[in-house]
Amino acid sequence: MRTPVDASYLADAVVLLRYFESEGAVRQAISVLKKRGGLHERTIRDFALTCEGIRVGEPLRNFRGILTGVPVPVDGLLVPS
């Protein structure tokens, strides 16, 4: 992902939300691209807005290409819904 302006000095945190398709359902992933004042977590996690609130799940380790919107299962494994 490229932008014509370097916005890193404008924000303390940059969070990326991404929709992707898995097993015929639209799902969301969340990743923290920039975090000031602490360690970064480099994982991409399952994310959902539910009637109980925000749910951030386990890292999505069984896919590659999630941030492209076209994930590919790794070793034929799929993450359960």
N, C-alpha and C. Protein backbone atom coordinates (compact mmCIF):
# COMPACT_ATOMS: atom_id res chain seq x y z
N MET A 1 0.85 -1.16 0.00
CA MET A 1 0.00 0.00 0.00
C MET A 1 0.90 1.23 0.00
N ARG A 2 0.67 2.13 -0.93
CA ARG A 2 1.48 3.34 -1.05
C ARG A 2 0.58 4.56 -1.03
N THR A 3 1.06 5.62 -0.41
CA THR A 3 0.36 6.89 -0.42
C THR A 3 1.34 7.97 -0.85
N PRO A 4 0.85 9.04 -1.48
CA PRO A 4 1.76 10.10 -1.93
C PRO A 4 2.30 10.95 -0.79
N VAL A 5 1.70 10.85 0.39
CA VAL A 5 2.11 11.65 1.54
C VAL A 5 2.50 10.71 2.68
N ASP A 6 3.61 11.01 3.34
CA ASP A 6 4.01 10.23 4.51
C ASP A 6 3.23 10.76 5.71
N ALA A 7 2.22 10.02 6.14
CA ALA A 7 1.35 10.46 7.23
C ALA A 7 1.80 9.92 8.58
N SER A 8 2.95 9.28 8.64
CA SER A 8 3.36 8.64 9.90
C SER A 8 3.55 9.65 11.02
N TYR A 9 3.92 10.87 10.71
CA TYR A 9 4.10 11.87 11.76
C TYR A 9 2.77 12.44 12.25
N LEU A 10 1.68 12.19 11.54
CA LEU A 10 0.36 12.71 11.91
C LEU A 10 -0.39 11.82 12.88
N ALA A 11 0.00 10.56 12.98
CA ALA A 11 -0.79 9.61 13.76
C ALA A 11 0.09 8.88 14.77
N ASP A 12 -0.49 8.60 15.93
CA ASP A 12 0.19 7.78 16.92
C ASP A 12 0.00 6.29 16.63
N ALA A 13 -1.09 5.96 15.96
CA ALA A 13 -1.37 4.56 15.61
C ALA A 13 -2.06 4.51 14.26
N VAL A 14 -1.72 3.51 13.48
CA VAL A 14 -2.38 3.26 12.21
C VAL A 14 -2.88 1.83 12.25
N VAL A 15 -4.20 1.67 12.14
CA VAL A 15 -4.83 0.36 12.19
C VAL A 15 -5.44 0.08 10.83
N LEU A 16 -5.19 -1.09 10.29
CA LEU A 16 -5.71 -1.49 8.99
C LEU A 16 -6.81 -2.52 9.19
N LEU A 17 -8.00 -2.23 8.68
CA LEU A 17 -9.10 -3.19 8.67
C LEU A 17 -9.28 -3.64 7.24
N ARG A 18 -9.43 -4.94 7.04
CA ARG A 18 -9.52 -5.48 5.70
C ARG A 18 -10.62 -6.52 5.62
N TYR A 19 -11.46 -6.43 4.60
CA TYR A 19 -12.44 -7.47 4.32
C TYR A 19 -11.78 -8.53 3.46
N PHE A 20 -12.15 -9.80 3.70
CA PHE A 20 -11.69 -10.88 2.83
C PHE A 20 -12.72 -11.99 2.84
N GLU A 21 -12.66 -12.82 1.81
CA GLU A 21 -13.63 -13.91 1.66
C GLU A 21 -12.98 -15.21 2.08
N SER A 22 -13.73 -16.00 2.86
CA SER A 22 -13.26 -17.32 3.27
C SER A 22 -14.45 -18.25 3.40
N GLU A 23 -14.38 -19.36 2.71
CA GLU A 23 -15.43 -20.38 2.76
C GLU A 23 -16.82 -19.80 2.50
N GLY A 24 -16.91 -18.88 1.53
CA GLY A 24 -18.19 -18.33 1.13
C GLY A 24 -18.74 -17.25 2.05
N ALA A 25 -17.94 -16.75 2.99
CA ALA A 25 -18.39 -15.70 3.90
C ALA A 25 -17.42 -14.53 3.84
N VAL A 26 -17.95 -13.33 4.03
CA VAL A 26 -17.12 -12.13 4.10
C VAL A 26 -16.68 -11.96 5.55
N ARG A 27 -15.39 -11.88 5.76
CA ARG A 27 -14.83 -11.74 7.10
C ARG A 27 -13.97 -10.50 7.15
N GLN A 28 -13.54 -10.12 8.35
CA GLN A 28 -12.68 -8.96 8.52
C GLN A 28 -11.39 -9.36 9.23
N ALA A 29 -10.33 -8.66 8.87
CA ALA A 29 -9.04 -8.84 9.53
C ALA A 29 -8.59 -7.48 10.04
N ILE A 30 -7.79 -7.48 11.10
CA ILE A 30 -7.25 -6.25 11.66
C ILE A 30 -5.75 -6.42 11.85
N SER A 31 -5.02 -5.34 11.59
CA SER A 31 -3.58 -5.34 11.79
C SER A 31 -3.16 -3.94 12.21
N VAL A 32 -2.20 -3.85 13.10
CA VAL A 32 -1.67 -2.56 13.53
C VAL A 32 -0.40 -2.31 12.73
N LEU A 33 -0.43 -1.28 11.88
CA LEU A 33 0.72 -0.98 11.04
C LEU A 33 1.73 -0.08 11.74
N LYS A 34 1.25 0.73 12.64
CA LYS A 34 2.14 1.66 13.34
C LYS A 34 1.59 1.91 14.73
N LYS A 35 2.47 1.88 15.70
CA LYS A 35 2.07 2.16 17.08
C LYS A 35 3.21 2.90 17.75
N ARG A 36 2.90 4.08 18.25
CA ARG A 36 3.93 4.87 18.92
C ARG A 36 3.88 4.57 20.41
N GLY A 37 5.02 4.49 21.03
CA GLY A 37 5.07 4.32 22.47
C GLY A 37 4.92 2.89 22.95
N GLY A 38 5.23 1.92 22.12
CA GLY A 38 5.15 0.54 22.55
C GLY A 38 5.60 -0.40 21.45
N LEU A 39 5.64 -1.66 21.78
CA LEU A 39 6.04 -2.67 20.80
C LEU A 39 4.92 -2.91 19.79
N HIS A 40 5.29 -3.21 18.57
CA HIS A 40 4.33 -3.53 17.52
C HIS A 40 3.98 -5.01 17.61
N GLU A 41 2.75 -5.33 17.29
CA GLU A 41 2.38 -6.73 17.11
C GLU A 41 2.26 -6.93 15.61
N ARG A 42 2.98 -7.86 15.08
CA ARG A 42 3.08 -8.05 13.63
C ARG A 42 2.05 -9.02 13.06
N THR A 43 1.12 -9.50 13.86
CA THR A 43 0.16 -10.48 13.35
C THR A 43 -1.05 -9.80 12.72
N ILE A 44 -1.71 -10.55 11.85
CA ILE A 44 -3.00 -10.17 11.28
C ILE A 44 -4.02 -11.04 11.98
N ARG A 45 -5.02 -10.42 12.58
CA ARG A 45 -5.98 -11.17 13.39
C ARG A 45 -7.39 -11.10 12.83
N ASP A 46 -8.18 -12.14 13.12
CA ASP A 46 -9.59 -12.15 12.81
C ASP A 46 -10.27 -11.06 13.64
N PHE A 47 -11.24 -10.36 13.05
CA PHE A 47 -11.86 -9.21 13.70
C PHE A 47 -13.35 -9.23 13.38
N ALA A 48 -14.18 -8.91 14.37
CA ALA A 48 -15.62 -8.85 14.14
C ALA A 48 -16.26 -7.83 15.06
N LEU A 49 -17.26 -7.14 14.54
CA LEU A 49 -18.12 -6.27 15.35
C LEU A 49 -19.38 -7.07 15.61
N THR A 50 -19.63 -7.41 16.86
CA THR A 50 -20.79 -8.24 17.22
C THR A 50 -21.73 -7.43 18.11
N CYS A 51 -22.89 -8.01 18.40
CA CYS A 51 -23.83 -7.33 19.29
C CYS A 51 -23.27 -7.23 20.71
N GLU A 52 -22.28 -8.06 21.06
CA GLU A 52 -21.63 -7.96 22.37
C GLU A 52 -20.47 -6.99 22.37
N GLY A 53 -20.05 -6.51 21.21
CA GLY A 53 -18.93 -5.57 21.12
C GLY A 53 -17.90 -6.03 20.10
N ILE A 54 -16.71 -5.54 20.25
CA ILE A 54 -15.61 -5.86 19.33
C ILE A 54 -14.96 -7.17 19.76
N ARG A 55 -14.73 -8.05 18.77
CA ARG A 55 -14.04 -9.31 19.04
C ARG A 55 -12.80 -9.36 18.16
N VAL A 56 -11.64 -9.47 18.81
CA VAL A 56 -10.38 -9.65 18.10
C VAL A 56 -9.93 -11.07 18.40
N GLY A 57 -9.83 -11.87 17.34
CA GLY A 57 -9.54 -13.28 17.51
C GLY A 57 -8.07 -13.62 17.39
N GLU A 58 -7.84 -14.88 17.18
CA GLU A 58 -6.49 -15.41 17.05
C GLU A 58 -5.85 -14.94 15.75
N PRO A 59 -4.51 -14.96 15.69
CA PRO A 59 -3.84 -14.61 14.44
C PRO A 59 -4.26 -15.55 13.30
N LEU A 60 -4.39 -15.00 12.11
CA LEU A 60 -4.77 -15.77 10.92
C LEU A 60 -3.51 -16.33 10.28
N ARG A 61 -3.00 -17.39 10.85
CA ARG A 61 -1.73 -17.97 10.41
C ARG A 61 -1.89 -18.94 9.23
N ASN A 62 -3.10 -19.36 8.93
CA ASN A 62 -3.32 -20.36 7.89
C ASN A 62 -3.59 -19.76 6.52
N PHE A 63 -3.36 -18.45 6.36
CA PHE A 63 -3.56 -17.77 5.09
C PHE A 63 -2.33 -16.95 4.74
N ARG A 64 -2.17 -16.73 3.45
CA ARG A 64 -1.25 -15.69 2.98
C ARG A 64 -2.03 -14.84 2.00
N GLY A 65 -1.74 -13.55 1.94
CA GLY A 65 -2.44 -12.65 1.03
C GLY A 65 -3.69 -12.03 1.60
N ILE A 66 -3.87 -12.04 2.90
CA ILE A 66 -5.08 -11.46 3.50
C ILE A 66 -5.16 -9.97 3.21
N LEU A 67 -4.06 -9.25 3.32
CA LEU A 67 -4.10 -7.81 3.11
C LEU A 67 -4.36 -7.43 1.66
N THR A 68 -4.20 -8.36 0.74
CA THR A 68 -4.54 -8.09 -0.66
C THR A 68 -6.04 -8.23 -0.89
N GLY A 69 -6.76 -8.87 0.05
CA GLY A 69 -8.18 -9.13 -0.12
C GLY A 69 -8.46 -10.45 -0.80
N VAL A 70 -7.40 -11.12 -1.23
CA VAL A 70 -7.54 -12.42 -1.90
C VAL A 70 -6.65 -13.43 -1.18
N PRO A 71 -7.08 -13.91 -0.01
CA PRO A 71 -6.24 -14.82 0.75
C PRO A 71 -6.19 -16.21 0.12
N VAL A 72 -5.07 -16.85 0.33
CA VAL A 72 -4.86 -18.22 -0.15
C VAL A 72 -4.58 -19.09 1.06
N PRO A 73 -5.32 -20.18 1.23
CA PRO A 73 -5.04 -21.06 2.37
C PRO A 73 -3.63 -21.64 2.25
N VAL A 74 -2.93 -21.73 3.35
CA VAL A 74 -1.61 -22.32 3.41
C VAL A 74 -1.78 -23.77 3.83
N ASP A 75 -1.19 -24.69 3.09
CA ASP A 75 -1.28 -26.12 3.38
C ASP A 75 -2.72 -26.62 3.39
N GLY A 76 -3.61 -25.94 2.68
CA GLY A 76 -5.00 -26.39 2.59
C GLY A 76 -5.80 -26.23 3.86
N LEU A 77 -5.25 -25.55 4.88
CA LEU A 77 -5.95 -25.36 6.15
C LEU A 77 -6.77 -24.09 6.12
N LEU A 78 -7.97 -24.11 6.65
CA LEU A 78 -8.80 -22.92 6.75
C LEU A 78 -9.08 -22.62 8.21
N VAL A 79 -9.18 -21.35 8.54
CA VAL A 79 -9.47 -20.94 9.91
C VAL A 79 -10.96 -21.12 10.16
N PRO A 80 -11.37 -21.77 11.25
CA PRO A 80 -12.80 -21.95 11.54
C PRO A 80 -13.48 -20.63 11.78
N SER A 81 -14.75 -20.53 11.41
CA SER A 81 -15.52 -19.29 11.59
C SER A 81 -15.96 -19.12 13.02
